[in-house]
C-alpha atoms as a PDB file:
ATOM      1  CA  MET A   1      -0.038  -0.166   0.251  1.00  0.00           C
ATOM      2  CA  ARG A   2       1.350   2.874  -1.145  1.00  0.00           C
ATOM      3  CA  ARG A   3       1.104   6.166   1.556  1.00  0.00           C
ATOM      4  CA  PHE A   4       1.716   9.335   1.661  1.00  0.00           C
ATOM      5  CA  PRO A   5       3.470  12.035   3.424  1.00  0.00           C
ATOM      6  CA  LYS A   6       1.539  13.774   5.841  1.00  0.00           C
ATOM      7  CA  ARG A   7       1.802  17.263   4.207  1.00  0.00           C
ATOM      8  CA  SER A   8       1.157  16.706   0.748  1.00  0.00           C
ATOM      9  CA  VAL A   9      -2.840  14.581   2.034  1.00  0.00           C
ATOM     10  CA  THR A  10      -3.031  17.976   4.434  1.00  0.00           C
ATOM     11  CA  VAL A  11      -2.224  20.150   1.421  1.00  0.00           C
ATOM     12  CA  SER A  12      -4.777  17.895  -0.984  1.00  0.00           C
ATOM     13  CA  PHE A  13      -7.619  17.779   2.050  1.00  0.00           C
ATOM     14  CA  LEU A  14      -7.067  22.247   1.946  1.00  0.00           C
ATOM     15  CA  ALA A  15      -7.108  22.058  -1.745  1.00  0.00           C
ATOM     16  CA  ILE A  16     -10.371  19.838  -1.672  1.00  0.00           C
ATOM     17  CA  SER A  17     -11.871  21.832   0.684  1.00  0.00           C
ATOM     18  CA  GLN A  18     -11.363  25.051  -0.160  1.00  0.00           C
ATOM     19  CA  VAL A  19     -12.595  23.795  -3.504  1.00  0.00           C
ATOM     20  CA  ILE A  20     -16.150  22.540  -2.066  1.00  0.00           C
ATOM     21  CA  LYS A  21     -16.021  26.358   0.002  1.00  0.00           C
ATOM     22  CA  ILE A  22     -15.973  28.080  -2.765  1.00  0.00           C
ATOM     23  CA  MET A  23     -18.824  26.177  -4.952  1.00  0.00           C
ATOM     24  CA  THR A  24     -20.696  25.987  -2.594  1.00  0.00           C
ATOM     25  CA  SER A  25     -20.894  29.637  -2.208  1.00  0.00           C
ATOM     26  CA  GLN A  26     -22.964  31.665  -4.813  1.00  0.00           C
ATOM     27  CA  GLN A  27     -20.171  34.212  -4.848  1.00  0.00           C
ATOM     28  CA  TYR A  28     -16.813  33.711  -3.255  1.00  0.00           C
ATOM     29  CA  GLN A  29     -15.609  36.279  -1.564  1.00  0.00           C
ATOM     30  CA  PRO A  30     -11.921  35.950  -0.338  1.00  0.00           C
ATOM     31  CA  THR A  31     -10.973  36.219   3.882  1.00  0.00           C
ATOM     32  CA  THR A  32      -8.339  38.686   5.046  1.00  0.00           C
ATOM     33  CA  GLU A  33      -5.855  36.236   5.272  1.00  0.00           C
ATOM     34  CA  ASP A  34      -6.869  35.085   1.074  1.00  0.00           C
ATOM     35  CA  LEU A  35      -6.172  38.619   0.281  1.00  0.00           C
ATOM     36  CA  LYS A  36      -2.510  38.514   2.353  1.00  0.00           C
ATOM     37  CA  ARG A  37      -1.245  34.873   1.094  1.00  0.00           C
ATOM     38  CA  TRP A  38      -2.162  36.345  -2.436  1.00  0.00           C
ATOM     39  CA  GLU A  39      -0.518  40.041  -2.117  1.00  0.00           C
ATOM     40  CA  ARG A  40       2.636  37.769  -0.449  1.00  0.00           C
ATOM     41  CA  LEU A  41       2.096  35.764  -3.730  1.00  0.00           C
ATOM     42  CA  ASP A  42       2.347  38.342  -5.893  1.00  0.00           C
ATOM     43  CA  GLU A  43       5.544  39.998  -4.280  1.00  0.00           C
ATOM     44  CA  LEU A  44       6.944  36.565  -4.671  1.00  0.00           C
ATOM     45  CA  GLY A  45       5.828  36.420  -8.540  1.00  0.00           C
ATOM     46  CA  MET A  46       7.616  40.040  -9.643  1.00  0.00           C
ATOM     47  CA  THR A  47      11.196  38.542  -8.062  1.00  0.00           C
ATOM     48  CA  ALA A  48      10.932  35.041  -8.650  1.00  0.00           C
ATOM     49  CA  MET A  49      13.718  34.107 -10.919  1.00  0.00           C
ATOM     50  CA  CYS A  50      14.365  29.731 -12.540  1.00  0.00           C
ATOM     51  CA  GLY A  51      18.064  27.788 -10.833  1.00  0.00           C
ATOM     52  CA  THR A  52      19.864  28.689  -8.919  1.00  0.00           C
ATOM     53  CA  PRO A  53      21.531  32.857  -8.606  1.00  0.00           C
ATOM     54  CA  MET A  54      24.100  33.920 -10.614  1.00  0.00           C
ATOM     55  CA  SER A  55      27.079  34.575  -8.925  1.00  0.00           C
ATOM     56  CA  ASP A  56      28.548  38.754 -10.172  1.00  0.00           C
ATOM     57  CA  GLU A  57      30.980  37.908 -12.101  1.00  0.00           C
ATOM     58  CA  GLU A  58      29.666  34.917 -13.724  1.00  0.00           C
ATOM     59  CA  TYR A  59      26.853  37.521 -15.046  1.00  0.00           C
ATOM     60  CA  GLU A  60      29.807  39.636 -16.038  1.00  0.00           C
ATOM     61  CA  HIS A  61      31.051  36.118 -17.995  1.00  0.00           C
ATOM     62  CA  ARG A  62      28.266  35.773 -19.879  1.00  0.00           C
ATOM     63  CA  LEU A  63      27.078  38.803 -20.666  1.00  0.00           C
ATOM     64  CA  GLN A  64      30.820  39.530 -21.536  1.00  0.00           C
ATOM     65  CA  SER A  65      29.955  36.605 -23.899  1.00  0.00           C
ATOM     66  CA  VAL A  66      27.161  38.201 -25.539  1.00  0.00           C
ATOM     67  CA  ILE A  67      29.092  41.033 -25.809  1.00  0.00           C
ATOM     68  CA  ASP A  68      32.045  39.588 -28.163  1.00  0.00           C
ATOM     69  CA  GLY A  69      30.499  37.239 -29.788  1.00  0.00           C
ATOM     70  CA  SER A  70      31.371  34.040 -28.072  1.00  0.00           C
ATOM     71  CA  CYS A  71      28.283  32.258 -26.641  1.00  0.00           C
ATOM     72  CA  PHE A  72      26.968  32.378 -30.386  1.00  0.00           C
ATOM     73  CA  THR A  73      30.015  30.025 -31.822  1.00  0.00           C
ATOM     74  CA  LYS A  74      29.303  27.761 -28.699  1.00  0.00           C
ATOM     75  CA  TYR A  75      25.399  27.789 -29.466  1.00  0.00           C
ATOM     76  CA  LEU A  76      26.051  27.454 -33.015  1.00  0.00           C
ATOM     77  CA  ASP A  77      28.555  24.587 -31.980  1.00  0.00           C
ATOM     78  CA  LYS A  78      25.821  22.601 -29.979  1.00  0.00           C
ATOM     79  CA  ILE A  79      23.636  23.684 -33.182  1.00  0.00           C
ATOM     80  CA  LEU A  80      26.408  21.540 -35.709  1.00  0.00           C
ATOM     81  CA  LYS A  81      26.730  18.759 -33.054  1.00  0.00           C
ATOM     82  CA  GLN A  82      22.510  18.018 -33.167  1.00  0.00           C
ATOM     83  CA  LYS A  83      22.727  18.475 -36.832  1.00  0.00           C
ATOM     84  CA  GLN A  84      25.283  15.547 -37.023  1.00  0.00           C
ATOM     85  CA  GLU A  85      23.474  13.223 -34.878  1.00  0.00           C
ATOM     86  CA  LEU A  86      20.151  13.568 -36.742  1.00  0.00           C
ATOM     87  CA  GLN A  87      22.085  13.193 -40.027  1.00  0.00           C
ATOM     88  CA  ASP A  88      23.327   9.771 -38.443  1.00  0.00           C
ATOM     89  CA  LYS A  89      20.009   8.850 -37.206  1.00  0.00           C
ATOM     90  CA  LEU A  90      18.131  10.057 -40.920  1.00  0.00           C
ATOM     91  CA  ALA A  91      21.188   7.507 -42.717  1.00  0.00           C
ATOM     92  CA  GLY A  92      20.081   4.570 -40.061  1.00  0.00           C
ATOM     93  CA  ILE A  93      15.835   5.179 -40.620  1.00  0.00           C
ATOM     94  CA  GLU A  94      17.543   5.238 -44.781  1.00  0.00           C
ATOM     95  CA  GLN A  95      19.612   2.837 -44.074  1.00  0.00           C
ATOM     96  CA  THR A  96      15.945   0.383 -42.891  1.00  0.00           C
ATOM     97  CA  GLU A  97      13.915   1.494 -45.697  1.00  0.00           C
ATOM     98  CA  GLN A  98      16.057   0.707 -48.138  1.00  0.00           C
ATOM     99  CA  MET A  99      15.798  -2.996 -46.921  1.00  0.00           C
ATOM    100  CA  LEU A 100      12.296  -2.853 -46.111  1.00  0.00           C
ATOM    101  CA  ARG A 101      11.615  -1.772 -49.537  1.00  0.00           C
ATOM    102  CA  ALA A 102      14.312  -4.807 -51.124  1.00  0.00           C
ATOM    103  CA  LYS A 103      11.919  -7.730 -48.819  1.00  0.00           C
ATOM    104  CA  ILE A 104       8.973  -5.836 -49.631  1.00  0.00           C
ATOM    105  CA  ALA A 105      10.262  -6.573 -53.249  1.00  0.00           C
ATOM    106  CA  GLU A 106      11.578  -9.696 -53.021  1.00  0.00           C
ATOM    107  CA  SER A 107       8.591 -11.084 -51.265  1.00  0.00           C
ATOM    108  CA  GLN A 108       6.187 -10.406 -54.053  1.00  0.00           C
ATOM    109  CA  ALA A 109       8.002 -11.717 -56.889  1.00  0.00           C
ATOM    110  CA  LYS A 110       7.917 -14.980 -55.209  1.00  0.00           C
ATOM    111  CA  LYS A 111       3.924 -14.538 -55.517  1.00  0.00           C
END
């Protein structure tokens, strides 16, 4: 039997009870707690970022790489590598296609 952490069950229960509360009332009026929570979420959303924060040195290095164009060279190298991998894969698929066409032609010739 799968067990869930108490917190997730509590959060799920709270979410469900909140939905039921909204659905059963004619018009939902947020409480002052709701408004404070939403205000806090809005504040956090204004400064939200994804990933780990960059140091000033790393930021300067990345900015300089955009200015001097080295980031574009690095990206082009990555794209060319992906292109080569896709071409290799396509060559394998074309080889399989030729083999299948030959088998089909062979089986039709036997009929």
